[in-house]
Amino acid sequence: MHFLVSGDVQGVGFRAFTLDRANGLGLTGWVRNNWDGKVEGEAEGAPASLAEFLVLIERGPISAHVDSIGIRDIPVLGIDSPFRITR
């Protein structure tokens, strides 16, 4: 899935939170800050893990405030590397 998170999500540990939760759920993909203040990423894994991941990033870390999350399905790429933060 592709996700785009808006709100107070930069400079508050949101990417590190996302990385930790994704790796804990066995997901692959990436997360990054966008120039417009949003956080964007892609995650791939088991449907149940993706559903749990979505619930976690909707809350975010305690220091963040999530206003909304845009989600869309994307083709499965079969990425074999751990989830990562990109710049």
N, C-alpha and C. Protein backbone atom coordinates (compact mmCIF):
# COMPACT_ATOMS: atom_id res chain seq x y z
N MET A 1 0.84 -1.18 0.00
CA MET A 1 0.00 0.00 0.00
C MET A 1 0.88 1.24 0.00
N HIS A 2 0.37 2.28 -0.58
CA HIS A 2 1.02 3.59 -0.54
C HIS A 2 0.26 4.41 0.49
N PHE A 3 0.98 5.17 1.32
CA PHE A 3 0.31 6.01 2.32
C PHE A 3 0.90 7.41 2.32
N LEU A 4 0.04 8.37 2.60
CA LEU A 4 0.42 9.78 2.68
C LEU A 4 -0.26 10.35 3.92
N VAL A 5 0.56 10.75 4.88
CA VAL A 5 0.07 11.18 6.19
C VAL A 5 0.22 12.69 6.32
N SER A 6 -0.85 13.35 6.70
CA SER A 6 -0.78 14.80 6.91
C SER A 6 -1.10 15.12 8.37
N GLY A 7 -0.61 16.27 8.80
CA GLY A 7 -0.78 16.71 10.17
C GLY A 7 0.56 17.20 10.70
N ASP A 8 0.72 17.16 12.00
CA ASP A 8 2.00 17.50 12.62
C ASP A 8 2.81 16.22 12.69
N VAL A 9 3.46 15.87 11.57
CA VAL A 9 4.13 14.57 11.45
C VAL A 9 5.60 14.66 11.07
N GLN A 10 6.14 15.87 10.98
CA GLN A 10 7.57 16.02 10.72
C GLN A 10 8.24 16.65 11.92
N GLY A 11 9.44 16.16 12.22
CA GLY A 11 10.18 16.68 13.37
C GLY A 11 9.68 16.16 14.70
N VAL A 12 8.88 15.09 14.67
CA VAL A 12 8.29 14.54 15.89
C VAL A 12 8.56 13.04 16.04
N GLY A 13 9.47 12.51 15.22
CA GLY A 13 9.81 11.09 15.32
C GLY A 13 8.87 10.16 14.57
N PHE A 14 8.07 10.72 13.65
CA PHE A 14 7.09 9.90 12.95
C PHE A 14 7.75 8.84 12.06
N ARG A 15 8.80 9.21 11.34
CA ARG A 15 9.47 8.23 10.46
C ARG A 15 10.10 7.10 11.27
N ALA A 16 10.75 7.44 12.38
CA ALA A 16 11.35 6.41 13.23
C ALA A 16 10.28 5.50 13.82
N PHE A 17 9.17 6.06 14.23
CA PHE A 17 8.04 5.30 14.74
C PHE A 17 7.54 4.33 13.66
N THR A 18 7.36 4.85 12.46
CA THR A 18 6.89 4.04 11.34
C THR A 18 7.86 2.91 11.03
N LEU A 19 9.14 3.22 11.00
CA LEU A 19 10.18 2.21 10.76
C LEU A 19 10.11 1.10 11.80
N ASP A 20 10.03 1.48 13.05
CA ASP A 20 9.99 0.50 14.14
C ASP A 20 8.75 -0.40 14.04
N ARG A 21 7.60 0.20 13.80
CA ARG A 21 6.36 -0.59 13.73
C ARG A 21 6.35 -1.50 12.50
N ALA A 22 6.82 -0.99 11.37
CA ALA A 22 6.86 -1.80 10.14
C ALA A 22 7.79 -3.00 10.30
N ASN A 23 8.96 -2.76 10.85
CA ASN A 23 9.90 -3.87 11.06
C ASN A 23 9.36 -4.88 12.06
N GLY A 24 8.68 -4.41 13.09
CA GLY A 24 8.09 -5.29 14.08
C GLY A 24 6.99 -6.18 13.50
N LEU A 25 6.36 -5.70 12.44
CA LEU A 25 5.29 -6.47 11.79
C LEU A 25 5.79 -7.27 10.58
N GLY A 26 7.09 -7.18 10.32
CA GLY A 26 7.66 -7.93 9.20
C GLY A 26 7.35 -7.34 7.83
N LEU A 27 7.10 -6.04 7.77
CA LEU A 27 6.78 -5.39 6.51
C LEU A 27 8.06 -4.92 5.81
N THR A 28 7.97 -4.76 4.52
CA THR A 28 9.05 -4.15 3.75
C THR A 28 8.51 -2.85 3.18
N GLY A 29 9.42 -1.99 2.71
CA GLY A 29 9.01 -0.73 2.11
C GLY A 29 9.87 0.42 2.56
N TRP A 30 9.28 1.60 2.56
CA TRP A 30 10.04 2.82 2.89
C TRP A 30 9.09 3.91 3.41
N VAL A 31 9.71 4.92 4.04
CA VAL A 31 8.99 6.10 4.52
C VAL A 31 9.92 7.30 4.37
N ARG A 32 9.34 8.47 4.07
CA ARG A 32 10.15 9.69 3.92
C ARG A 32 9.30 10.92 4.23
N ASN A 33 10.00 12.02 4.55
CA ASN A 33 9.35 13.32 4.68
C ASN A 33 9.20 13.92 3.29
N ASN A 34 8.09 14.56 3.04
CA ASN A 34 7.88 15.30 1.81
C ASN A 34 8.09 16.78 2.06
N TRP A 35 8.37 17.52 1.02
CA TRP A 35 8.61 18.96 1.12
C TRP A 35 7.38 19.72 1.62
N ASP A 36 6.19 19.15 1.44
CA ASP A 36 4.95 19.83 1.82
C ASP A 36 4.53 19.58 3.27
N GLY A 37 5.39 18.93 4.06
CA GLY A 37 5.08 18.69 5.47
C GLY A 37 4.42 17.36 5.74
N LYS A 38 4.13 16.60 4.70
CA LYS A 38 3.51 15.28 4.86
C LYS A 38 4.58 14.20 4.93
N VAL A 39 4.18 13.05 5.40
CA VAL A 39 5.05 11.87 5.41
C VAL A 39 4.45 10.86 4.44
N GLU A 40 5.29 10.32 3.57
CA GLU A 40 4.85 9.41 2.53
C GLU A 40 5.60 8.09 2.64
N GLY A 41 4.97 7.02 2.23
CA GLY A 41 5.66 5.74 2.23
C GLY A 41 4.90 4.66 1.49
N GLU A 42 5.56 3.54 1.38
CA GLU A 42 4.97 2.34 0.82
C GLU A 42 5.29 1.18 1.74
N ALA A 43 4.33 0.31 1.94
CA ALA A 43 4.52 -0.86 2.79
C ALA A 43 3.97 -2.09 2.08
N GLU A 44 4.66 -3.19 2.26
CA GLU A 44 4.26 -4.45 1.63
C GLU A 44 4.39 -5.56 2.66
N GLY A 45 3.41 -6.45 2.68
CA GLY A 45 3.44 -7.57 3.61
C GLY A 45 2.09 -8.26 3.67
N ALA A 46 1.93 -9.09 4.67
CA ALA A 46 0.69 -9.83 4.87
C ALA A 46 -0.47 -8.86 5.12
N PRO A 47 -1.65 -9.15 4.58
CA PRO A 47 -2.79 -8.25 4.77
C PRO A 47 -3.09 -7.91 6.23
N ALA A 48 -3.02 -8.89 7.12
CA ALA A 48 -3.30 -8.62 8.54
C ALA A 48 -2.25 -7.67 9.12
N SER A 49 -0.99 -7.84 8.72
CA SER A 49 0.08 -6.96 9.20
C SER A 49 -0.10 -5.55 8.67
N LEU A 50 -0.50 -5.42 7.41
CA LEU A 50 -0.75 -4.09 6.84
C LEU A 50 -1.91 -3.40 7.55
N ALA A 51 -2.95 -4.15 7.87
CA ALA A 51 -4.10 -3.57 8.59
C ALA A 51 -3.67 -3.07 9.97
N GLU A 52 -2.87 -3.85 10.68
CA GLU A 52 -2.39 -3.43 12.00
C GLU A 52 -1.47 -2.23 11.88
N PHE A 53 -0.62 -2.22 10.87
CA PHE A 53 0.30 -1.11 10.61
C PHE A 53 -0.49 0.18 10.39
N LEU A 54 -1.55 0.10 9.62
CA LEU A 54 -2.38 1.27 9.35
C LEU A 54 -2.98 1.83 10.63
N VAL A 55 -3.46 0.97 11.51
CA VAL A 55 -4.00 1.43 12.79
C VAL A 55 -2.91 2.14 13.60
N LEU A 56 -1.71 1.61 13.59
CA LEU A 56 -0.61 2.20 14.36
C LEU A 56 -0.21 3.56 13.81
N ILE A 57 -0.09 3.69 12.49
CA ILE A 57 0.35 4.98 11.96
C ILE A 57 -0.78 6.02 11.98
N GLU A 58 -2.02 5.57 12.07
CA GLU A 58 -3.11 6.54 12.26
C GLU A 58 -2.99 7.23 13.61
N ARG A 59 -2.47 6.52 14.59
CA ARG A 59 -2.22 7.12 15.92
C ARG A 59 -0.91 7.89 15.92
N GLY A 60 0.15 7.27 15.35
CA GLY A 60 1.48 7.87 15.33
C GLY A 60 2.10 7.90 16.72
N PRO A 61 3.31 8.45 16.82
CA PRO A 61 3.94 8.60 18.14
C PRO A 61 3.21 9.67 18.95
N ILE A 62 3.44 9.65 20.24
CA ILE A 62 2.74 10.58 21.14
C ILE A 62 2.98 12.04 20.77
N SER A 63 4.15 12.34 20.18
CA SER A 63 4.49 13.73 19.85
C SER A 63 3.88 14.20 18.53
N ALA A 64 3.25 13.31 17.79
CA ALA A 64 2.66 13.66 16.49
C ALA A 64 1.16 13.89 16.62
N HIS A 65 0.62 14.56 15.62
CA HIS A 65 -0.83 14.71 15.50
C HIS A 65 -1.19 14.42 14.04
N VAL A 66 -1.85 13.30 13.81
CA VAL A 66 -2.23 12.89 12.46
C VAL A 66 -3.61 13.47 12.15
N ASP A 67 -3.69 14.25 11.08
CA ASP A 67 -4.97 14.80 10.62
C ASP A 67 -5.68 13.82 9.70
N SER A 68 -4.92 13.25 8.75
CA SER A 68 -5.53 12.31 7.81
C SER A 68 -4.46 11.44 7.17
N ILE A 69 -4.91 10.30 6.65
CA ILE A 69 -4.02 9.39 5.92
C ILE A 69 -4.73 9.01 4.62
N GLY A 70 -4.02 9.23 3.52
CA GLY A 70 -4.50 8.76 2.23
C GLY A 70 -3.85 7.42 1.94
N ILE A 71 -4.64 6.44 1.58
CA ILE A 71 -4.15 5.09 1.31
C ILE A 71 -4.59 4.69 -0.09
N ARG A 72 -3.69 4.04 -0.81
CA ARG A 72 -4.09 3.43 -2.08
C ARG A 72 -3.31 2.14 -2.27
N ASP A 73 -3.95 1.21 -2.90
CA ASP A 73 -3.29 -0.05 -3.22
C ASP A 73 -2.35 0.16 -4.38
N ILE A 74 -1.21 -0.52 -4.33
CA ILE A 74 -0.23 -0.48 -5.41
C ILE A 74 0.17 -1.92 -5.72
N PRO A 75 0.76 -2.16 -6.87
CA PRO A 75 1.19 -3.53 -7.20
C PRO A 75 2.24 -4.04 -6.21
N VAL A 76 2.19 -5.32 -5.92
CA VAL A 76 3.18 -5.96 -5.06
C VAL A 76 4.50 -6.04 -5.83
N LEU A 77 5.58 -5.58 -5.20
CA LEU A 77 6.88 -5.57 -5.85
C LEU A 77 7.77 -6.73 -5.40
N GLY A 78 7.43 -7.37 -4.29
CA GLY A 78 8.25 -8.47 -3.79
C GLY A 78 9.58 -7.99 -3.22
N ILE A 79 9.59 -6.83 -2.60
CA ILE A 79 10.81 -6.28 -2.01
C ILE A 79 11.28 -7.19 -0.89
N ASP A 80 12.57 -7.49 -0.89
CA ASP A 80 13.12 -8.44 0.08
C ASP A 80 13.98 -7.76 1.14
N SER A 81 14.12 -6.44 1.09
CA SER A 81 14.94 -5.73 2.07
C SER A 81 14.08 -5.22 3.21
N PRO A 82 14.69 -4.95 4.37
CA PRO A 82 13.92 -4.43 5.51
C PRO A 82 13.31 -3.06 5.19
N PHE A 83 12.27 -2.72 5.93
CA PHE A 83 11.66 -1.40 5.83
C PHE A 83 12.73 -0.36 6.15
N ARG A 84 12.70 0.78 5.47
CA ARG A 84 13.77 1.78 5.66
C ARG A 84 13.23 3.20 5.56
N ILE A 85 14.01 4.13 6.08
CA ILE A 85 13.75 5.55 5.94
C ILE A 85 14.56 6.04 4.76
N THR A 86 13.92 6.74 3.84
CA THR A 86 14.64 7.35 2.73
C THR A 86 14.61 8.85 2.91
N ARG A 87 15.46 9.52 2.25
CA ARG A 87 15.56 10.99 2.38
C ARG A 87 14.88 11.67 1.23
